Amino acid sequence: MTHLPRTQLPPIKIRQAECKRLGHLADASAETFPATAEFLAREIERATVVSDTAPLVGIVGMESEVTFRDDATGSQKQVRLVYPNAADIDAGRVSVLTPIGAALIGLSAGQAISFITPSGEQKSLTVLDVRGPN
């Protein structure tokens, strides 16, 4: 089943400590990965920031395992969202400093988001399931 890309951004939530660390990461990566760093910074800016002790069950945070669907192809993938130093595509660990990683942060199951890849292609994905850590 093919779905049309979303144009409206879904509401997202990020814990305060993660927001601060991700903000520093986006700033530090601005020269090396300008488009992705800018996308991550925009996501952080629009997020609702919650206390570090707030339960975020079912919301994608760092170290969450996420199952999502590529809305164009219908294919599903399961990944763990990690910081760049822990990324390993073969092991299913996707960096938050990739377009998919930046798109996933703060989403919850059922939410969809569209984004532009570094090659200029528009992608849309839908989060199907989120597990841990909380």
Protein backbone atom coordinates (compact mmCIF):
# COMPACT_ATOMS: atom_id res chain seq x y z
CA MET A 1 0.00 0.00 0.00
CA THR A 2 1.44 3.39 -0.97
CA HIS A 3 0.79 6.44 1.15
CA LEU A 4 1.17 10.07 0.16
CA PRO A 5 3.84 12.08 1.99
CA ARG A 6 2.66 14.16 4.94
CA THR A 7 3.11 17.92 4.77
CA GLN A 8 2.08 18.75 8.34
CA LEU A 9 4.60 17.89 11.04
CA PRO A 10 3.30 15.74 13.90
CA PRO A 11 3.76 16.88 17.50
CA ILE A 12 6.83 15.37 19.18
CA LYS A 13 8.24 15.10 22.73
CA ILE A 14 11.85 14.97 23.85
CA ARG A 15 13.34 14.73 27.34
CA GLN A 16 15.23 17.80 28.55
CA ALA A 17 18.68 16.13 28.79
CA GLU A 18 18.30 14.54 25.34
CA CYS A 19 17.17 17.88 23.90
CA LYS A 20 20.28 19.59 25.24
CA ARG A 21 22.65 16.86 24.02
CA LEU A 22 20.97 16.69 20.60
CA GLY A 23 21.18 20.47 20.29
CA HIS A 24 24.93 20.35 20.93
CA LEU A 25 25.25 17.51 18.41
CA ALA A 26 23.37 19.48 15.75
CA ASP A 27 25.55 22.55 16.38
CA ALA A 28 28.77 20.52 16.27
CA SER A 29 27.72 18.78 13.04
CA ALA A 30 26.55 21.86 11.16
CA GLU A 31 29.63 22.07 8.94
CA THR A 32 30.09 18.33 8.35
CA PHE A 33 26.43 17.38 7.81
CA PRO A 34 24.66 20.71 7.23
CA ALA A 35 21.29 19.48 5.93
CA THR A 36 20.82 16.77 8.56
CA ALA A 37 22.12 18.97 11.38
CA GLU A 38 19.65 21.69 10.35
CA PHE A 39 16.79 19.16 10.19
CA LEU A 40 17.69 17.81 13.64
CA ALA A 41 17.89 21.35 15.03
CA ARG A 42 14.44 22.17 13.61
CA GLU A 43 12.98 19.01 15.16
CA ILE A 44 14.47 19.89 18.55
CA GLU A 45 13.17 23.44 18.29
CA ARG A 46 9.60 22.37 17.59
CA ALA A 47 9.53 19.58 20.20
CA THR A 48 7.69 19.75 23.47
CA VAL A 49 10.49 19.35 26.01
CA VAL A 50 9.53 17.30 29.07
CA SER A 51 11.28 16.56 32.34
CA ASP A 52 13.93 13.86 32.37
CA THR A 53 11.79 11.86 34.80
CA ALA A 54 8.62 12.07 32.72
CA PRO A 55 7.55 8.65 31.40
CA LEU A 56 7.64 8.63 27.62
CA VAL A 57 6.14 5.23 26.96
CA GLY A 58 5.71 4.64 23.26
CA ILE A 59 7.70 7.73 22.23
CA VAL A 60 10.94 7.47 20.30
CA GLY A 61 13.92 8.57 22.37
CA MET A 62 17.57 7.73 22.26
CA GLU A 63 18.18 3.97 22.54
CA SER A 64 14.55 3.20 21.63
CA GLU A 65 13.83 0.26 19.36
CA VAL A 66 11.54 1.47 16.59
CA THR A 67 9.60 -0.35 13.91
CA PHE A 68 8.62 1.94 11.06
CA ARG A 69 7.16 1.69 7.57
CA ASP A 70 8.52 3.41 4.48
CA ASP A 71 5.27 4.90 3.21
CA ALA A 72 6.35 4.83 -0.45
CA THR A 73 7.33 1.15 -0.56
CA GLY A 74 5.40 -0.30 2.36
CA SER A 75 8.55 -2.01 3.64
CA GLN A 76 9.05 -2.21 7.38
CA LYS A 77 12.30 -1.85 9.30
CA GLN A 78 13.27 -2.23 12.92
CA VAL A 79 16.11 -0.06 14.23
CA ARG A 80 17.58 1.25 17.47
CA LEU A 81 18.05 5.04 17.55
CA VAL A 82 21.55 5.88 18.78
CA TYR A 83 24.11 8.66 18.93
CA PRO A 84 26.56 8.73 16.00
CA ASN A 85 29.41 6.99 17.83
CA ALA A 86 27.22 3.90 18.41
CA ALA A 87 25.76 3.73 14.89
CA ASP A 88 26.09 0.46 12.99
CA ILE A 89 23.68 -0.05 10.09
CA ASP A 90 24.46 -3.78 9.87
CA ALA A 91 23.47 -4.18 13.52
CA GLY A 92 20.31 -2.06 13.07
CA ARG A 93 21.63 0.92 15.05
CA VAL A 94 20.72 4.15 13.23
CA SER A 95 22.31 7.46 14.14
CA VAL A 96 20.08 10.36 15.12
CA LEU A 97 22.36 12.35 12.80
CA THR A 98 20.89 10.69 9.70
CA PRO A 99 17.71 11.89 7.99
CA ILE A 100 15.77 8.83 9.22
CA GLY A 101 17.15 9.14 12.74
CA ALA A 102 16.36 12.85 12.96
CA ALA A 103 12.87 12.17 11.59
CA LEU A 104 12.18 9.46 14.20
CA ILE A 105 13.14 11.38 17.34
CA GLY A 106 10.12 12.24 19.49
CA LEU A 107 7.51 10.43 17.37
CA SER A 108 5.04 7.93 18.78
CA ALA A 109 3.37 4.88 17.26
CA GLY A 110 0.94 5.85 14.53
CA GLN A 111 2.62 9.15 13.72
CA ALA A 112 4.06 9.83 10.26
CA ILE A 113 6.58 12.37 9.03
CA SER A 114 7.96 13.47 5.67
CA PHE A 115 11.51 14.65 5.13
CA ILE A 116 14.02 15.30 2.37
CA THR A 117 17.07 13.04 1.99
CA PRO A 118 20.52 14.49 1.21
CA SER A 119 19.96 13.45 -2.42
CA GLY A 120 16.83 15.64 -2.54
CA GLU A 121 14.32 12.78 -2.47
CA GLN A 122 11.18 13.19 -0.38
CA LYS A 123 10.57 10.31 2.03
CA SER A 124 7.70 9.57 4.34
CA LEU A 125 7.68 7.09 7.20
CA THR A 126 5.17 5.94 9.79
CA VAL A 127 6.14 4.68 13.24
CA LEU A 128 4.48 1.35 13.92
CA ASP A 129 5.96 0.39 17.31
CA VAL A 130 8.30 1.85 19.92
CA ARG A 131 9.98 -0.08 22.72
CA GLY A 132 12.13 1.26 25.57
CA PRO A 133 14.02 2.64 27.15
CA ASN A 134 11.93 4.58 29.60
